[in-house]
Amino acid sequence: MNTNISKKDIFGKAISDYYYHKDTTDIQVHSPDFDDDVIPVPYLFRSYTEMPPLEQKALQLAKGNVLDVGCGAGSHSLYLQQKRNLKTTAIDTSQGAIKIAKKRGIEDARVLDFFQLNNERFDTILLLMNGSGIIGKLKNLDNFFGKIQELLAPGGKVILDSSDLSYLFERDEDGGIWIDSEAPYYGELEFKVSYKGESSDYFKWLYVDFQTLKFAAEVNNFSCECIKKGEHYDYLAELRRLKQ
């Protein structure tokens, strides 16, 4: 049943294999900056009770017409649709993932890039599982804020999580870190994923610290509130358009 899925659709192939065959082969994650890691595919099918506290909090804060960006197998959208009775649109660039999201019961699931979505408005936009990653690079933050301004309904909000990677640097006696001002922002990373011998191309992924996100929000006439902090230098933020 794993047909018509592009060889580059690593997540789609893995999600499909698990859904149809309970194949638990891990997705491998590669980066030139870190040792290889894995994503256990069953984790992409987790229930609400299996989600970390930041995700649970985000789902409780969602309201109205919801956009779930990078939905994967659709676990967040399923909870919102079935348990909270919220109208939820789930989008992902993975054709295979969207096929399975529909199979699991998501009523509005689309193969779509967030930045290509037009002519719709949402009360809540969710970007979870280090959702800031889709921004790619720090220089793209203004473009991101422009897009969410376009997609948010009046009074709407964005709920996203990210991580501050400054913990990877050695700190001085005062707790500060030294960062080369000429180097790229430390949260700009590259990854590729592989599964059963097939690999994606490398892609850009942005981890943004809260203060940098807050500054960019204020420049773009948004408020930015830290809603909850995680146990691994991660945080959940809420963005709202300020009245002009």
C-alpha atoms as a PDB file:
ATOM      1  CA  MET A   1       0.000   0.000   0.000  1.00  0.00           C
ATOM      2  CA  ASN A   2       3.065   2.258  -0.128  1.00  0.00           C
ATOM      3  CA  THR A   3       2.599   3.464  -3.702  1.00  0.00           C
ATOM      4  CA  ASN A   4       3.153   6.676  -5.640  1.00  0.00           C
ATOM      5  CA  ILE A   5       5.348   8.225  -2.951  1.00  0.00           C
ATOM      6  CA  SER A   6       8.388  10.109  -4.224  1.00  0.00           C
ATOM      7  CA  LYS A   7      11.764   8.758  -3.251  1.00  0.00           C
ATOM      8  CA  LYS A   8      12.510  12.181  -1.779  1.00  0.00           C
ATOM      9  CA  ASP A   9       9.408  11.995   0.440  1.00  0.00           C
ATOM     10  CA  ILE A  10      11.244  10.405   3.344  1.00  0.00           C
ATOM     11  CA  PHE A  11       8.659  11.223   5.992  1.00  0.00           C
ATOM     12  CA  GLY A  12       5.838  10.087   3.742  1.00  0.00           C
ATOM     13  CA  LYS A  13       7.401   6.697   3.123  1.00  0.00           C
ATOM     14  CA  ALA A  14       8.157   6.110   6.805  1.00  0.00           C
ATOM     15  CA  ILE A  15       4.718   7.271   7.962  1.00  0.00           C
ATOM     16  CA  SER A  16       3.019   5.091   5.350  1.00  0.00           C
ATOM     17  CA  ASP A  17       5.083   2.024   6.265  1.00  0.00           C
ATOM     18  CA  TYR A  18       4.189   2.414   9.924  1.00  0.00           C
ATOM     19  CA  TYR A  19       0.498   3.033   9.265  1.00  0.00           C
ATOM     20  CA  TYR A  20       0.016   0.038   6.968  1.00  0.00           C
ATOM     21  CA  HIS A  21       2.633  -2.402   8.245  1.00  0.00           C
ATOM     22  CA  LYS A  22       3.627  -1.209  11.747  1.00  0.00           C
ATOM     23  CA  ASP A  23       7.190  -0.935  10.420  1.00  0.00           C
ATOM     24  CA  THR A  24       9.151   0.880  13.163  1.00  0.00           C
ATOM     25  CA  THR A  25      12.318   1.564  11.179  1.00  0.00           C
ATOM     26  CA  ASP A  26      13.679   4.930  12.362  1.00  0.00           C
ATOM     27  CA  ILE A  27      14.070   8.033  10.227  1.00  0.00           C
ATOM     28  CA  GLN A  28      17.759   9.004  10.326  1.00  0.00           C
ATOM     29  CA  VAL A  29      18.665  12.679  10.761  1.00  0.00           C
ATOM     30  CA  HIS A  30      21.993  13.987   9.466  1.00  0.00           C
ATOM     31  CA  SER A  31      23.668  17.353   9.941  1.00  0.00           C
ATOM     32  CA  PRO A  32      27.218  18.561   9.216  1.00  0.00           C
ATOM     33  CA  ASP A  33      27.188  20.212  12.660  1.00  0.00           C
ATOM     34  CA  PHE A  34      26.037  17.297  14.844  1.00  0.00           C
ATOM     35  CA  ASP A  35      26.204  13.546  15.195  1.00  0.00           C
ATOM     36  CA  ASP A  36      23.478  11.590  13.464  1.00  0.00           C
ATOM     37  CA  ASP A  37      20.179  11.275  15.308  1.00  0.00           C
ATOM     38  CA  VAL A  38      16.910   9.413  14.776  1.00  0.00           C
ATOM     39  CA  ILE A  39      13.184  10.145  14.720  1.00  0.00           C
ATOM     40  CA  PRO A  40      11.181   7.130  15.929  1.00  0.00           C
ATOM     41  CA  VAL A  41       8.240   6.929  13.517  1.00  0.00           C
ATOM     42  CA  PRO A  42       5.709   5.746  16.162  1.00  0.00           C
ATOM     43  CA  TYR A  43       6.297   9.097  17.888  1.00  0.00           C
ATOM     44  CA  LEU A  44       4.661  10.810  14.913  1.00  0.00           C
ATOM     45  CA  PHE A  45       1.453   8.917  15.771  1.00  0.00           C
ATOM     46  CA  ARG A  46       1.418   9.826  19.457  1.00  0.00           C
ATOM     47  CA  SER A  47      -1.744  10.545  21.412  1.00  0.00           C
ATOM     48  CA  TYR A  48      -2.352  13.720  23.408  1.00  0.00           C
ATOM     49  CA  THR A  49      -1.255  12.039  26.658  1.00  0.00           C
ATOM     50  CA  GLU A  50       2.041  11.044  25.027  1.00  0.00           C
ATOM     51  CA  MET A  51       2.841  14.588  23.874  1.00  0.00           C
ATOM     52  CA  PRO A  52       5.310  16.784  25.779  1.00  0.00           C
ATOM     53  CA  PRO A  53       3.821  19.532  27.988  1.00  0.00           C
ATOM     54  CA  LEU A  54       4.604  22.309  25.480  1.00  0.00           C
ATOM     55  CA  GLU A  55       2.545  20.608  22.789  1.00  0.00           C
ATOM     56  CA  GLN A  56      -0.303  19.889  25.176  1.00  0.00           C
ATOM     57  CA  LYS A  57      -0.350  23.543  26.219  1.00  0.00           C
ATOM     58  CA  ALA A  58      -0.343  24.694  22.599  1.00  0.00           C
ATOM     59  CA  LEU A  59      -3.319  22.485  21.744  1.00  0.00           C
ATOM     60  CA  GLN A  60      -5.265  23.807  24.710  1.00  0.00           C
ATOM     61  CA  LEU A  61      -4.599  27.403  23.609  1.00  0.00           C
ATOM     62  CA  ALA A  62      -5.845  26.817  20.061  1.00  0.00           C
ATOM     63  CA  LYS A  63      -9.188  28.399  19.197  1.00  0.00           C
ATOM     64  CA  GLY A  64     -11.492  28.983  16.269  1.00  0.00           C
ATOM     65  CA  ASN A  65     -10.366  28.078  12.772  1.00  0.00           C
ATOM     66  CA  VAL A  66      -6.946  26.407  13.152  1.00  0.00           C
ATOM     67  CA  LEU A  67      -4.065  25.929  10.700  1.00  0.00           C
ATOM     68  CA  ASP A  68      -1.684  23.101  11.653  1.00  0.00           C
ATOM     69  CA  VAL A  69       1.576  23.713   9.759  1.00  0.00           C
ATOM     70  CA  GLY A  70       3.818  20.705   9.103  1.00  0.00           C
ATOM     71  CA  CYS A  71       1.177  18.309  10.345  1.00  0.00           C
ATOM     72  CA  GLY A  72       3.034  15.078   9.560  1.00  0.00           C
ATOM     73  CA  ALA A  73       0.818  12.108  10.373  1.00  0.00           C
ATOM     74  CA  GLY A  74      -1.729  14.523  11.827  1.00  0.00           C
ATOM     75  CA  SER A  75      -1.675  13.830  15.562  1.00  0.00           C
ATOM     76  CA  HIS A  76      -2.177  17.466  16.587  1.00  0.00           C
ATOM     77  CA  SER A  77      -4.959  18.040  14.074  1.00  0.00           C
ATOM     78  CA  LEU A  78      -6.760  14.862  15.087  1.00  0.00           C
ATOM     79  CA  TYR A  79      -6.880  15.993  18.701  1.00  0.00           C
ATOM     80  CA  LEU A  80      -8.160  19.439  17.767  1.00  0.00           C
ATOM     81  CA  GLN A  81     -10.753  18.076  15.372  1.00  0.00           C
ATOM     82  CA  GLN A  82     -11.991  15.115  17.411  1.00  0.00           C
ATOM     83  CA  LYS A  83     -11.518  16.171  21.023  1.00  0.00           C
ATOM     84  CA  ARG A  84     -11.953  19.943  20.819  1.00  0.00           C
ATOM     85  CA  ASN A  85     -14.310  20.106  17.848  1.00  0.00           C
ATOM     86  CA  LEU A  86     -12.264  22.822  16.141  1.00  0.00           C
ATOM     87  CA  LYS A  87     -12.245  23.344  12.386  1.00  0.00           C
ATOM     88  CA  THR A  88      -8.691  22.378  11.513  1.00  0.00           C
ATOM     89  CA  THR A  89      -6.719  22.634   8.287  1.00  0.00           C
ATOM     90  CA  ALA A  90      -3.634  20.413   8.251  1.00  0.00           C
ATOM     91  CA  ILE A  91      -0.857  21.131   5.738  1.00  0.00           C
ATOM     92  CA  ASP A  92       2.447  19.452   4.960  1.00  0.00           C
ATOM     93  CA  THR A  93       4.785  19.289   1.990  1.00  0.00           C
ATOM     94  CA  SER A  94       4.871  15.480   2.281  1.00  0.00           C
ATOM     95  CA  GLN A  95       2.373  13.830  -0.057  1.00  0.00           C
ATOM     96  CA  GLY A  96       2.685  10.526   1.809  1.00  0.00           C
ATOM     97  CA  ALA A  97       2.084  12.127   5.198  1.00  0.00           C
ATOM     98  CA  ILE A  98      -1.059  13.889   3.964  1.00  0.00           C
ATOM     99  CA  LYS A  99      -2.419  10.635   2.524  1.00  0.00           C
ATOM    100  CA  ILE A 100      -2.119   9.026   5.950  1.00  0.00           C
ATOM    101  CA  ALA A 101      -3.471  12.087   7.758  1.00  0.00           C
ATOM    102  CA  LYS A 102      -6.611  11.753   5.626  1.00  0.00           C
ATOM    103  CA  LYS A 103      -6.772   8.016   6.310  1.00  0.00           C
ATOM    104  CA  ARG A 104      -6.671   8.778  10.038  1.00  0.00           C
ATOM    105  CA  GLY A 105      -9.710  10.989   9.693  1.00  0.00           C
ATOM    106  CA  ILE A 106      -8.509  14.559   9.166  1.00  0.00           C
ATOM    107  CA  GLU A 107     -11.194  16.236   7.091  1.00  0.00           C
ATOM    108  CA  ASP A 108      -9.094  19.051   5.600  1.00  0.00           C
ATOM    109  CA  ALA A 109      -5.543  17.880   4.903  1.00  0.00           C
ATOM    110  CA  ARG A 110      -3.530  19.345   2.022  1.00  0.00           C
ATOM    111  CA  VAL A 111      -0.135  18.931   0.380  1.00  0.00           C
ATOM    112  CA  LEU A 112       0.952  22.544   0.643  1.00  0.00           C
ATOM    113  CA  ASP A 113       3.897  24.735   1.606  1.00  0.00           C
ATOM    114  CA  PHE A 114       2.998  27.262   4.298  1.00  0.00           C
ATOM    115  CA  PHE A 115       4.413  30.163   2.302  1.00  0.00           C
ATOM    116  CA  GLN A 116       2.259  29.215  -0.713  1.00  0.00           C
ATOM    117  CA  LEU A 117      -1.027  29.387   1.213  1.00  0.00           C
ATOM    118  CA  ASN A 118      -3.155  32.327   0.107  1.00  0.00           C
ATOM    119  CA  ASN A 119      -6.622  33.862   0.427  1.00  0.00           C
ATOM    120  CA  GLU A 120      -7.535  32.204   3.737  1.00  0.00           C
ATOM    121  CA  ARG A 121      -7.680  33.441   7.326  1.00  0.00           C
ATOM    122  CA  PHE A 122      -7.184  31.516  10.556  1.00  0.00           C
ATOM    123  CA  ASP A 123      -7.781  32.270  14.226  1.00  0.00           C
ATOM    124  CA  THR A 124      -4.853  30.081  15.310  1.00  0.00           C
ATOM    125  CA  ILE A 125      -1.742  29.091  13.396  1.00  0.00           C
ATOM    126  CA  LEU A 126       0.198  26.229  15.001  1.00  0.00           C
ATOM    127  CA  LEU A 127       3.879  25.599  14.278  1.00  0.00           C
ATOM    128  CA  LEU A 128       4.984  22.807  16.594  1.00  0.00           C
ATOM    129  CA  MET A 129       7.916  20.387  16.917  1.00  0.00           C
ATOM    130  CA  ASN A 130      10.449  23.219  16.551  1.00  0.00           C
ATOM    131  CA  GLY A 131       7.998  24.889  14.218  1.00  0.00           C
ATOM    132  CA  SER A 132      10.252  27.905  13.659  1.00  0.00           C
ATOM    133  CA  GLY A 133      12.353  25.599  11.502  1.00  0.00           C
ATOM    134  CA  ILE A 134      10.357  26.328   8.364  1.00  0.00           C
ATOM    135  CA  ILE A 135      11.610  29.934   8.431  1.00  0.00           C
ATOM    136  CA  GLY A 136      14.967  28.518   7.343  1.00  0.00           C
ATOM    137  CA  LYS A 137      17.287  31.434   8.049  1.00  0.00           C
ATOM    138  CA  LEU A 138      17.239  34.438  10.348  1.00  0.00           C
ATOM    139  CA  LYS A 139      17.026  36.843   7.410  1.00  0.00           C
ATOM    140  CA  ASN A 140      13.636  35.303   6.533  1.00  0.00           C
ATOM    141  CA  LEU A 141      11.945  36.400   9.777  1.00  0.00           C
ATOM    142  CA  ASP A 142      10.431  39.543   8.273  1.00  0.00           C
ATOM    143  CA  ASN A 143       8.972  37.486   5.425  1.00  0.00           C
ATOM    144  CA  PHE A 144       7.529  35.059   7.986  1.00  0.00           C
ATOM    145  CA  PHE A 145       5.831  37.862   9.907  1.00  0.00           C
ATOM    146  CA  GLY A 146       4.454  39.249   6.668  1.00  0.00           C
ATOM    147  CA  LYS A 147       2.945  35.874   5.859  1.00  0.00           C
ATOM    148  CA  ILE A 148       1.310  35.364   9.241  1.00  0.00           C
ATOM    149  CA  GLN A 149      -0.090  38.890   9.082  1.00  0.00           C
ATOM    150  CA  GLU A 150      -1.708  37.909   5.773  1.00  0.00           C
ATOM    151  CA  LEU A 151      -3.140  34.639   7.147  1.00  0.00           C
ATOM    152  CA  LEU A 152      -4.337  35.672  10.608  1.00  0.00           C
ATOM    153  CA  ALA A 153      -7.953  36.623  11.160  1.00  0.00           C
ATOM    154  CA  PRO A 154      -8.577  39.716  13.315  1.00  0.00           C
ATOM    155  CA  GLY A 155      -7.645  38.859  16.907  1.00  0.00           C
ATOM    156  CA  GLY A 156      -5.843  35.713  15.761  1.00  0.00           C
ATOM    157  CA  LYS A 157      -2.604  34.302  17.108  1.00  0.00           C
ATOM    158  CA  VAL A 158       0.376  32.159  16.184  1.00  0.00           C
ATOM    159  CA  ILE A 159       1.578  29.508  18.611  1.00  0.00           C
ATOM    160  CA  LEU A 160       5.029  28.138  17.879  1.00  0.00           C
ATOM    161  CA  ASP A 161       7.823  26.389  19.656  1.00  0.00           C
ATOM    162  CA  SER A 162      11.559  26.591  19.166  1.00  0.00           C
ATOM    163  CA  SER A 163      14.820  26.071  21.036  1.00  0.00           C
ATOM    164  CA  ASP A 164      17.713  28.280  22.099  1.00  0.00           C
ATOM    165  CA  LEU A 165      20.883  26.517  20.986  1.00  0.00           C
ATOM    166  CA  SER A 166      23.148  28.841  22.966  1.00  0.00           C
ATOM    167  CA  TYR A 167      23.431  26.027  25.533  1.00  0.00           C
ATOM    168  CA  LEU A 168      25.857  24.364  23.118  1.00  0.00           C
ATOM    169  CA  PHE A 169      28.429  27.115  23.762  1.00  0.00           C
ATOM    170  CA  GLU A 170      30.785  27.334  26.716  1.00  0.00           C
ATOM    171  CA  ARG A 171      29.874  30.080  29.196  1.00  0.00           C
ATOM    172  CA  ASP A 172      32.183  32.448  31.022  1.00  0.00           C
ATOM    173  CA  GLU A 173      32.126  33.115  34.765  1.00  0.00           C
ATOM    174  CA  ASP A 174      29.276  35.607  34.355  1.00  0.00           C
ATOM    175  CA  GLY A 175      27.161  33.131  32.435  1.00  0.00           C
ATOM    176  CA  GLY A 176      27.676  34.839  29.086  1.00  0.00           C
ATOM    177  CA  ILE A 177      28.738  33.204  25.844  1.00  0.00           C
ATOM    178  CA  TRP A 178      31.102  34.418  23.151  1.00  0.00           C
ATOM    179  CA  ILE A 179      29.728  34.284  19.628  1.00  0.00           C
ATOM    180  CA  ASP A 180      31.635  35.320  16.520  1.00  0.00           C
ATOM    181  CA  SER A 181      29.706  38.299  15.150  1.00  0.00           C
ATOM    182  CA  GLU A 182      30.957  37.470  11.649  1.00  0.00           C
ATOM    183  CA  ALA A 183      29.609  33.919  11.759  1.00  0.00           C
ATOM    184  CA  PRO A 184      26.074  32.935  10.728  1.00  0.00           C
ATOM    185  CA  TYR A 185      23.445  32.957  13.473  1.00  0.00           C
ATOM    186  CA  TYR A 186      24.035  29.919  15.686  1.00  0.00           C
ATOM    187  CA  GLY A 187      20.469  28.694  15.250  1.00  0.00           C
ATOM    188  CA  GLU A 188      20.781  28.329  11.469  1.00  0.00           C
ATOM    189  CA  LEU A 189      21.340  24.645  10.717  1.00  0.00           C
ATOM    190  CA  GLU A 190      21.231  22.261   7.792  1.00  0.00           C
ATOM    191  CA  PHE A 191      19.735  18.795   7.872  1.00  0.00           C
ATOM    192  CA  LYS A 192      18.845  15.929   5.632  1.00  0.00           C
ATOM    193  CA  VAL A 193      16.841  12.838   6.509  1.00  0.00           C
ATOM    194  CA  SER A 194      17.133   9.270   5.294  1.00  0.00           C
ATOM    195  CA  TYR A 195      15.074   6.113   5.523  1.00  0.00           C
ATOM    196  CA  LYS A 196      15.876   2.605   4.302  1.00  0.00           C
ATOM    197  CA  GLY A 197      18.813   3.830   2.253  1.00  0.00           C
ATOM    198  CA  GLU A 198      17.051   6.778   0.596  1.00  0.00           C
ATOM    199  CA  SER A 199      17.987  10.360   1.486  1.00  0.00           C
ATOM    200  CA  SER A 200      16.447  13.779   1.078  1.00  0.00           C
ATOM    201  CA  ASP A 201      18.371  16.810  -0.075  1.00  0.00           C
ATOM    202  CA  TYR A 202      19.797  19.076   2.621  1.00  0.00           C
ATOM    203  CA  PHE A 203      17.367  21.732   3.857  1.00  0.00           C
ATOM    204  CA  LYS A 204      17.715  24.848   6.016  1.00  0.00           C
ATOM    205  CA  TRP A 205      16.189  24.824   9.504  1.00  0.00           C
ATOM    206  CA  LEU A 206      16.002  27.702  11.997  1.00  0.00           C
ATOM    207  CA  TYR A 207      16.107  27.409  15.777  1.00  0.00           C
ATOM    208  CA  VAL A 208      15.527  30.905  17.127  1.00  0.00           C
ATOM    209  CA  ASP A 209      16.107  32.048  20.701  1.00  0.00           C
ATOM    210  CA  PHE A 210      13.200  33.810  22.366  1.00  0.00           C
ATOM    211  CA  GLN A 211      14.792  37.257  22.613  1.00  0.00           C
ATOM    212  CA  THR A 212      15.628  37.284  18.922  1.00  0.00           C
ATOM    213  CA  LEU A 213      12.090  36.194  18.065  1.00  0.00           C
ATOM    214  CA  LYS A 214      10.637  38.853  20.361  1.00  0.00           C
ATOM    215  CA  PHE A 215      12.755  41.595  18.795  1.00  0.00           C
ATOM    216  CA  ALA A 216      11.717  40.541  15.279  1.00  0.00           C
ATOM    217  CA  ALA A 217       8.083  40.453  16.395  1.00  0.00           C
ATOM    218  CA  GLU A 218       8.224  43.981  17.773  1.00  0.00           C
ATOM    219  CA  VAL A 219       9.871  45.284  14.597  1.00  0.00           C
ATOM    220  CA  ASN A 220       6.982  43.764  12.635  1.00  0.00           C
ATOM    221  CA  ASN A 221       4.264  45.138  14.962  1.00  0.00           C
ATOM    222  CA  PHE A 222       3.559  41.866  16.775  1.00  0.00           C
ATOM    223  CA  SER A 223       3.567  41.038  20.462  1.00  0.00           C
ATOM    224  CA  CYS A 224       5.561  37.984  21.527  1.00  0.00           C
ATOM    225  CA  GLU A 225       4.926  36.223  24.827  1.00  0.00           C
ATOM    226  CA  CYS A 226       6.748  33.201  26.225  1.00  0.00           C
ATOM    227  CA  ILE A 227       3.900  30.936  27.327  1.00  0.00           C
ATOM    228  CA  LYS A 228       5.873  28.001  28.676  1.00  0.00           C
ATOM    229  CA  LYS A 229       9.449  26.754  28.877  1.00  0.00           C
ATOM    230  CA  GLY A 230      10.454  23.152  28.263  1.00  0.00           C
ATOM    231  CA  GLU A 231      13.108  21.003  29.876  1.00  0.00           C
ATOM    232  CA  HIS A 232      15.581  21.138  26.988  1.00  0.00           C
ATOM    233  CA  TYR A 233      16.078  24.857  26.301  1.00  0.00           C
ATOM    234  CA  ASP A 234      12.840  24.878  24.301  1.00  0.00           C
ATOM    235  CA  TYR A 235       9.944  27.284  24.716  1.00  0.00           C
ATOM    236  CA  LEU A 236       6.408  27.930  23.525  1.00  0.00           C
ATOM    237  CA  ALA A 237       5.633  31.428  22.225  1.00  0.00           C
ATOM    238  CA  GLU A 238       2.425  33.231  21.303  1.00  0.00           C
ATOM    239  CA  LEU A 239       2.482  35.930  18.615  1.00  0.00           C
ATOM    240  CA  ARG A 240      -0.323  38.447  18.098  1.00  0.00           C
ATOM    241  CA  ARG A 241      -0.692  41.352  15.693  1.00  0.00           C
ATOM    242  CA  LEU A 242      -0.682  44.682  17.540  1.00  0.00           C
ATOM    243  CA  LYS A 243      -3.412  47.180  16.776  1.00  0.00           C
ATOM    244  CA  GLN A 244      -2.274  50.127  14.721  1.00  0.00           C
END
